[in-house]
């Protein structure tokens, strides 16, 4: 009779062996899927890099185009409580309703 430890070790070993020979699905980080989807994705609003620089402030450009971030608790949206729809600073398309905004206590408009 197997102990629980022996059973778990044997099960894990069988799972690794099955994965190695292709019997179980392999998991990926999804990076290939993301880059393929990004390459095929068409956006409603497109601009050249120089146009984005002209349209956006330096901080907005860094955040929206370069994946930058703003310091916690620095956004004026932290204290924004009016009803309405938040829109993108770059393309003016709707993002989310004020009804779904909540205070996550992290310093970000959530």
N, C-alpha and C. Protein backbone atom coordinates (compact mmCIF):
# COMPACT_ATOMS: atom_id res chain seq x y z
N UNK A 1 0.84 -1.18 0.00
CA UNK A 1 0.00 0.00 0.00
C UNK A 1 0.89 1.24 0.00
N UNK A 2 0.48 2.24 -0.82
CA UNK A 2 1.22 3.49 -0.94
C UNK A 2 0.87 4.44 0.19
N UNK A 3 1.86 5.19 0.63
CA UNK A 3 1.56 6.30 1.54
C UNK A 3 1.09 7.48 0.68
N UNK A 4 0.51 8.47 1.29
CA UNK A 4 0.04 9.63 0.56
C UNK A 4 1.20 10.31 -0.16
N UNK A 5 2.35 10.41 0.49
CA UNK A 5 3.53 11.03 -0.11
C UNK A 5 3.97 10.26 -1.35
N UNK A 6 4.03 8.94 -1.25
CA UNK A 6 4.44 8.13 -2.40
C UNK A 6 3.44 8.26 -3.55
N UNK A 7 2.17 8.30 -3.20
CA UNK A 7 1.14 8.45 -4.22
C UNK A 7 1.28 9.78 -4.96
N UNK A 8 1.48 10.88 -4.21
CA UNK A 8 1.62 12.19 -4.82
C UNK A 8 2.88 12.28 -5.68
N UNK A 9 3.97 11.72 -5.19
CA UNK A 9 5.21 11.72 -5.97
C UNK A 9 5.05 10.92 -7.26
N UNK A 10 4.41 9.76 -7.16
CA UNK A 10 4.21 8.92 -8.34
C UNK A 10 3.28 9.61 -9.33
N UNK A 11 2.21 10.23 -8.84
CA UNK A 11 1.27 10.94 -9.72
C UNK A 11 1.95 12.10 -10.42
N UNK A 12 2.74 12.85 -9.67
CA UNK A 12 3.47 13.97 -10.26
C UNK A 12 4.45 13.50 -11.32
N UNK A 13 5.14 12.41 -11.03
CA UNK A 13 6.10 11.85 -11.99
C UNK A 13 5.41 11.40 -13.26
N UNK A 14 4.25 10.76 -13.12
CA UNK A 14 3.50 10.32 -14.29
C UNK A 14 3.00 11.52 -15.10
N UNK A 15 2.58 12.56 -14.40
CA UNK A 15 2.12 13.76 -15.10
C UNK A 15 3.24 14.42 -15.89
N UNK A 16 4.42 14.51 -15.29
CA UNK A 16 5.57 15.10 -15.99
C UNK A 16 5.95 14.24 -17.19
N UNK A 17 5.94 12.93 -17.00
CA UNK A 17 6.27 12.02 -18.11
C UNK A 17 5.24 12.15 -19.24
N UNK A 18 3.96 12.24 -18.90
CA UNK A 18 2.91 12.37 -19.91
C UNK A 18 3.05 13.70 -20.65
N UNK A 19 3.38 14.74 -19.94
CA UNK A 19 3.59 16.04 -20.56
C UNK A 19 4.79 16.00 -21.50
N UNK A 20 5.85 15.34 -21.06
CA UNK A 20 7.08 15.27 -21.85
C UNK A 20 6.87 14.52 -23.16
N UNK A 21 6.02 13.51 -23.16
CA UNK A 21 5.84 12.75 -24.41
C UNK A 21 4.62 13.23 -25.19
N UNK A 22 3.98 14.31 -24.71
CA UNK A 22 2.92 14.94 -25.49
C UNK A 22 1.53 14.42 -25.24
N UNK A 23 1.30 13.70 -24.15
CA UNK A 23 -0.05 13.21 -23.88
C UNK A 23 -0.95 14.26 -23.24
N UNK A 24 -0.34 15.23 -22.56
CA UNK A 24 -1.11 16.30 -21.92
C UNK A 24 -0.86 17.60 -22.68
N UNK A 25 -1.83 18.52 -22.66
CA UNK A 25 -1.61 19.80 -23.35
C UNK A 25 -0.50 20.59 -22.68
N UNK A 26 0.26 21.29 -23.47
CA UNK A 26 1.32 22.13 -22.94
C UNK A 26 0.78 23.54 -22.76
N UNK A 27 1.20 24.17 -21.69
CA UNK A 27 0.76 25.52 -21.39
C UNK A 27 1.84 26.49 -21.81
N UNK A 28 1.43 27.60 -22.39
CA UNK A 28 2.41 28.61 -22.78
C UNK A 28 2.10 29.90 -22.04
N UNK A 29 3.02 30.83 -22.11
CA UNK A 29 2.81 32.12 -21.48
C UNK A 29 1.84 32.98 -22.27
N UNK A 30 1.53 32.57 -23.49
CA UNK A 30 0.59 33.32 -24.30
C UNK A 30 1.22 34.47 -25.06
N UNK A 31 2.54 34.65 -24.96
CA UNK A 31 3.16 35.78 -25.64
C UNK A 31 3.04 35.66 -27.15
N UNK A 32 3.15 34.47 -27.68
CA UNK A 32 3.02 34.31 -29.13
C UNK A 32 1.60 34.67 -29.58
N UNK A 33 0.62 34.28 -28.79
CA UNK A 33 -0.75 34.59 -29.13
C UNK A 33 -1.00 36.09 -29.08
N UNK A 34 -0.42 36.75 -28.11
CA UNK A 34 -0.61 38.19 -27.97
C UNK A 34 0.00 38.92 -29.16
N UNK A 35 1.23 38.56 -29.51
CA UNK A 35 1.87 39.29 -30.61
C UNK A 35 1.19 38.99 -31.94
N UNK A 36 0.69 37.77 -32.14
CA UNK A 36 -0.05 37.47 -33.37
C UNK A 36 -1.34 38.27 -33.41
N UNK A 37 -2.05 38.35 -32.28
CA UNK A 37 -3.30 39.10 -32.23
C UNK A 37 -3.03 40.58 -32.44
N UNK A 38 -1.96 41.10 -31.85
CA UNK A 38 -1.64 42.52 -32.00
C UNK A 38 -1.33 42.86 -33.45
N UNK A 39 -0.62 41.97 -34.11
CA UNK A 39 -0.25 42.22 -35.50
C UNK A 39 -1.49 42.24 -36.40
N UNK A 40 -2.48 41.42 -36.08
CA UNK A 40 -3.67 41.31 -36.92
C UNK A 40 -4.75 42.32 -36.51
N UNK A 41 -4.62 42.91 -35.33
CA UNK A 41 -5.65 43.80 -34.80
C UNK A 41 -5.63 45.16 -35.50
N UNK A 42 -6.81 45.63 -35.87
CA UNK A 42 -6.93 46.95 -36.46
C UNK A 42 -7.61 47.84 -35.44
N UNK A 43 -7.13 49.06 -35.32
CA UNK A 43 -7.65 49.99 -34.35
C UNK A 43 -8.54 51.03 -35.02
N UNK A 44 -9.51 51.53 -34.26
CA UNK A 44 -10.43 52.53 -34.77
C UNK A 44 -9.71 53.85 -35.04
N UNK A 45 -8.74 54.17 -34.20
CA UNK A 45 -7.98 55.41 -34.32
C UNK A 45 -6.51 55.06 -34.48
N UNK A 46 -5.89 55.54 -35.54
CA UNK A 46 -4.46 55.31 -35.74
C UNK A 46 -3.79 56.63 -36.09
N UNK A 47 -2.60 56.81 -35.58
CA UNK A 47 -1.79 58.00 -35.86
C UNK A 47 -0.34 57.57 -35.97
N UNK A 48 0.44 58.38 -36.64
CA UNK A 48 1.88 58.14 -36.67
C UNK A 48 2.44 58.54 -35.31
N UNK A 49 3.66 58.15 -35.05
CA UNK A 49 4.30 58.46 -33.78
C UNK A 49 4.39 59.98 -33.57
N UNK A 50 4.72 60.71 -34.62
CA UNK A 50 4.83 62.17 -34.48
C UNK A 50 3.46 62.80 -34.22
N UNK A 51 2.41 62.24 -34.80
CA UNK A 51 1.06 62.76 -34.54
C UNK A 51 0.67 62.51 -33.08
N UNK A 52 1.00 61.31 -32.55
CA UNK A 52 0.71 61.03 -31.14
C UNK A 52 1.44 62.02 -30.25
N UNK A 53 2.70 62.35 -30.58
CA UNK A 53 3.46 63.32 -29.79
C UNK A 53 2.79 64.69 -29.81
N UNK A 54 2.22 65.06 -30.94
CA UNK A 54 1.56 66.35 -31.06
C UNK A 54 0.23 66.38 -30.29
N UNK A 55 -0.50 65.27 -30.32
CA UNK A 55 -1.82 65.19 -29.69
C UNK A 55 -1.73 65.09 -28.16
N UNK A 56 -0.76 64.34 -27.66
CA UNK A 56 -0.68 64.03 -26.24
C UNK A 56 0.41 64.85 -25.54
N UNK A 57 0.20 65.08 -24.24
CA UNK A 57 1.27 65.68 -23.43
C UNK A 57 2.38 64.64 -23.27
N UNK A 58 3.54 65.06 -22.79
CA UNK A 58 4.64 64.12 -22.59
C UNK A 58 4.25 62.99 -21.64
N UNK A 59 3.55 63.34 -20.55
CA UNK A 59 3.12 62.32 -19.58
C UNK A 59 2.09 61.37 -20.21
N UNK A 60 1.13 61.91 -20.93
CA UNK A 60 0.13 61.07 -21.58
C UNK A 60 0.78 60.14 -22.60
N UNK A 61 1.72 60.67 -23.37
CA UNK A 61 2.41 59.85 -24.37
C UNK A 61 3.14 58.69 -23.69
N UNK A 62 3.85 58.99 -22.61
CA UNK A 62 4.58 57.95 -21.88
C UNK A 62 3.64 56.86 -21.38
N UNK A 63 2.50 57.26 -20.83
CA UNK A 63 1.56 56.30 -20.26
C UNK A 63 0.80 55.53 -21.35
N UNK A 64 0.29 56.25 -22.34
CA UNK A 64 -0.56 55.62 -23.35
C UNK A 64 0.22 54.89 -24.44
N UNK A 65 1.39 55.38 -24.81
CA UNK A 65 2.10 54.81 -25.95
C UNK A 65 3.34 54.01 -25.55
N UNK A 66 3.93 54.30 -24.38
CA UNK A 66 5.18 53.66 -23.97
C UNK A 66 4.98 52.73 -22.76
N UNK A 67 3.71 52.48 -22.38
CA UNK A 67 3.39 51.61 -21.25
C UNK A 67 3.95 52.11 -19.94
N UNK A 68 4.08 53.45 -19.83
CA UNK A 68 4.54 54.05 -18.59
C UNK A 68 3.45 54.02 -17.54
N UNK A 69 3.72 54.60 -16.41
CA UNK A 69 2.73 54.65 -15.34
C UNK A 69 2.88 55.96 -14.58
N UNK A 70 1.81 56.38 -13.95
CA UNK A 70 1.90 57.59 -13.15
C UNK A 70 2.09 57.19 -11.69
N UNK A 71 2.63 58.11 -10.91
CA UNK A 71 2.84 57.81 -9.49
C UNK A 71 1.50 57.62 -8.79
N UNK A 72 1.48 56.72 -7.84
CA UNK A 72 0.25 56.48 -7.06
C UNK A 72 -0.18 57.77 -6.38
N UNK A 73 -1.48 57.99 -6.33
CA UNK A 73 -2.13 59.14 -5.70
C UNK A 73 -1.86 60.45 -6.41
N UNK A 74 -1.29 60.44 -7.63
CA UNK A 74 -1.00 61.69 -8.33
C UNK A 74 -2.08 62.05 -9.35
N UNK A 75 -2.98 61.14 -9.66
CA UNK A 75 -3.98 61.39 -10.70
C UNK A 75 -5.11 62.27 -10.19
N UNK A 76 -5.51 63.27 -10.97
CA UNK A 76 -6.67 64.08 -10.59
C UNK A 76 -7.96 63.25 -10.62
N UNK A 77 -7.93 62.09 -11.26
CA UNK A 77 -9.12 61.23 -11.31
C UNK A 77 -9.41 60.55 -9.97
N UNK A 78 -8.45 60.56 -9.05
CA UNK A 78 -8.69 59.96 -7.73
C UNK A 78 -9.86 60.64 -7.02
N UNK A 79 -10.00 61.94 -7.23
CA UNK A 79 -11.06 62.69 -6.56
C UNK A 79 -12.19 63.08 -7.51
N UNK A 80 -12.30 62.37 -8.62
CA UNK A 80 -13.36 62.64 -9.60
C UNK A 80 -14.59 61.83 -9.24
N UNK A 81 -15.71 62.52 -8.96
CA UNK A 81 -16.92 61.81 -8.52
C UNK A 81 -18.16 62.18 -9.33
N UNK A 82 -17.97 62.90 -10.44
CA UNK A 82 -19.13 63.26 -11.28
C UNK A 82 -19.62 62.03 -12.05
N UNK A 83 -20.92 62.02 -12.38
CA UNK A 83 -21.48 60.96 -13.20
C UNK A 83 -21.09 61.19 -14.66
N UNK A 84 -20.86 60.10 -15.36
CA UNK A 84 -20.55 60.22 -16.78
C UNK A 84 -19.72 59.04 -17.25
N UNK A 85 -19.11 59.22 -18.41
CA UNK A 85 -18.30 58.17 -19.02
C UNK A 85 -16.87 58.67 -19.16
N UNK A 86 -15.92 57.88 -18.69
CA UNK A 86 -14.50 58.20 -18.86
C UNK A 86 -14.11 57.86 -20.29
N UNK A 87 -13.35 58.73 -20.93
CA UNK A 87 -12.92 58.52 -22.31
C UNK A 87 -11.40 58.51 -22.37
N UNK A 88 -10.88 57.92 -23.42
CA UNK A 88 -9.44 57.84 -23.64
C UNK A 88 -8.90 59.23 -23.98
N UNK A 89 -7.77 59.61 -23.37
CA UNK A 89 -7.15 60.90 -23.65
C UNK A 89 -6.57 60.95 -25.05
N UNK A 90 -6.28 59.80 -25.64
CA UNK A 90 -5.67 59.77 -26.95
C UNK A 90 -6.67 59.76 -28.10
N UNK A 91 -7.76 59.00 -27.95
CA UNK A 91 -8.68 58.84 -29.09
C UNK A 91 -10.10 59.29 -28.78
N UNK A 92 -10.37 59.66 -27.54
CA UNK A 92 -11.68 60.15 -27.12
C UNK A 92 -12.78 59.09 -27.20
N UNK A 93 -12.41 57.82 -27.29
CA UNK A 93 -13.40 56.75 -27.28
C UNK A 93 -13.76 56.41 -25.84
N UNK A 94 -15.00 55.99 -25.58
CA UNK A 94 -15.42 55.68 -24.21
C UNK A 94 -14.65 54.49 -23.63
N UNK A 95 -14.29 54.61 -22.34
CA UNK A 95 -13.57 53.54 -21.64
C UNK A 95 -14.46 52.82 -20.63
N UNK A 96 -15.03 53.59 -19.69
CA UNK A 96 -15.92 52.98 -18.70
C UNK A 96 -16.79 54.03 -18.07
N UNK A 97 -17.88 53.58 -17.48
CA UNK A 97 -18.84 54.47 -16.84
C UNK A 97 -18.40 54.80 -15.41
N UNK A 98 -18.75 55.98 -14.96
CA UNK A 98 -18.45 56.36 -13.58
C UNK A 98 -19.17 55.44 -12.59
N UNK A 99 -20.22 54.78 -13.03
CA UNK A 99 -20.96 53.85 -12.15
C UNK A 99 -20.11 52.64 -11.78
N UNK A 100 -19.08 52.34 -12.60
CA UNK A 100 -18.24 51.18 -12.30
C UNK A 100 -16.92 51.55 -11.64
N UNK A 101 -16.67 52.86 -11.44
CA UNK A 101 -15.44 53.32 -10.80
C UNK A 101 -15.54 53.06 -9.30
N UNK A 102 -14.45 52.59 -8.71
CA UNK A 102 -14.44 52.37 -7.27
C UNK A 102 -13.09 52.76 -6.71
N UNK A 103 -13.05 53.00 -5.40
CA UNK A 103 -11.80 53.38 -4.74
C UNK A 103 -11.12 52.11 -4.25
N UNK A 104 -10.05 51.73 -4.94
CA UNK A 104 -9.33 50.50 -4.59
C UNK A 104 -8.33 50.71 -3.47
N UNK A 105 -8.19 51.96 -3.02
CA UNK A 105 -7.23 52.31 -1.96
C UNK A 105 -5.78 52.07 -2.39
N UNK A 106 -5.54 52.11 -3.72
CA UNK A 106 -4.18 51.91 -4.24
C UNK A 106 -3.65 53.18 -4.87
N UNK A 107 -4.46 54.25 -4.89
CA UNK A 107 -4.03 55.48 -5.48
C UNK A 107 -4.31 55.58 -6.97
N UNK A 108 -5.04 54.63 -7.51
CA UNK A 108 -5.35 54.64 -8.94
C UNK A 108 -6.85 54.73 -9.12
N UNK A 109 -7.23 55.39 -10.17
CA UNK A 109 -8.67 55.36 -10.52
C UNK A 109 -8.97 53.97 -11.04
N UNK A 110 -9.83 53.27 -10.36
CA UNK A 110 -10.09 51.86 -10.71
C UNK A 110 -11.47 51.70 -11.30
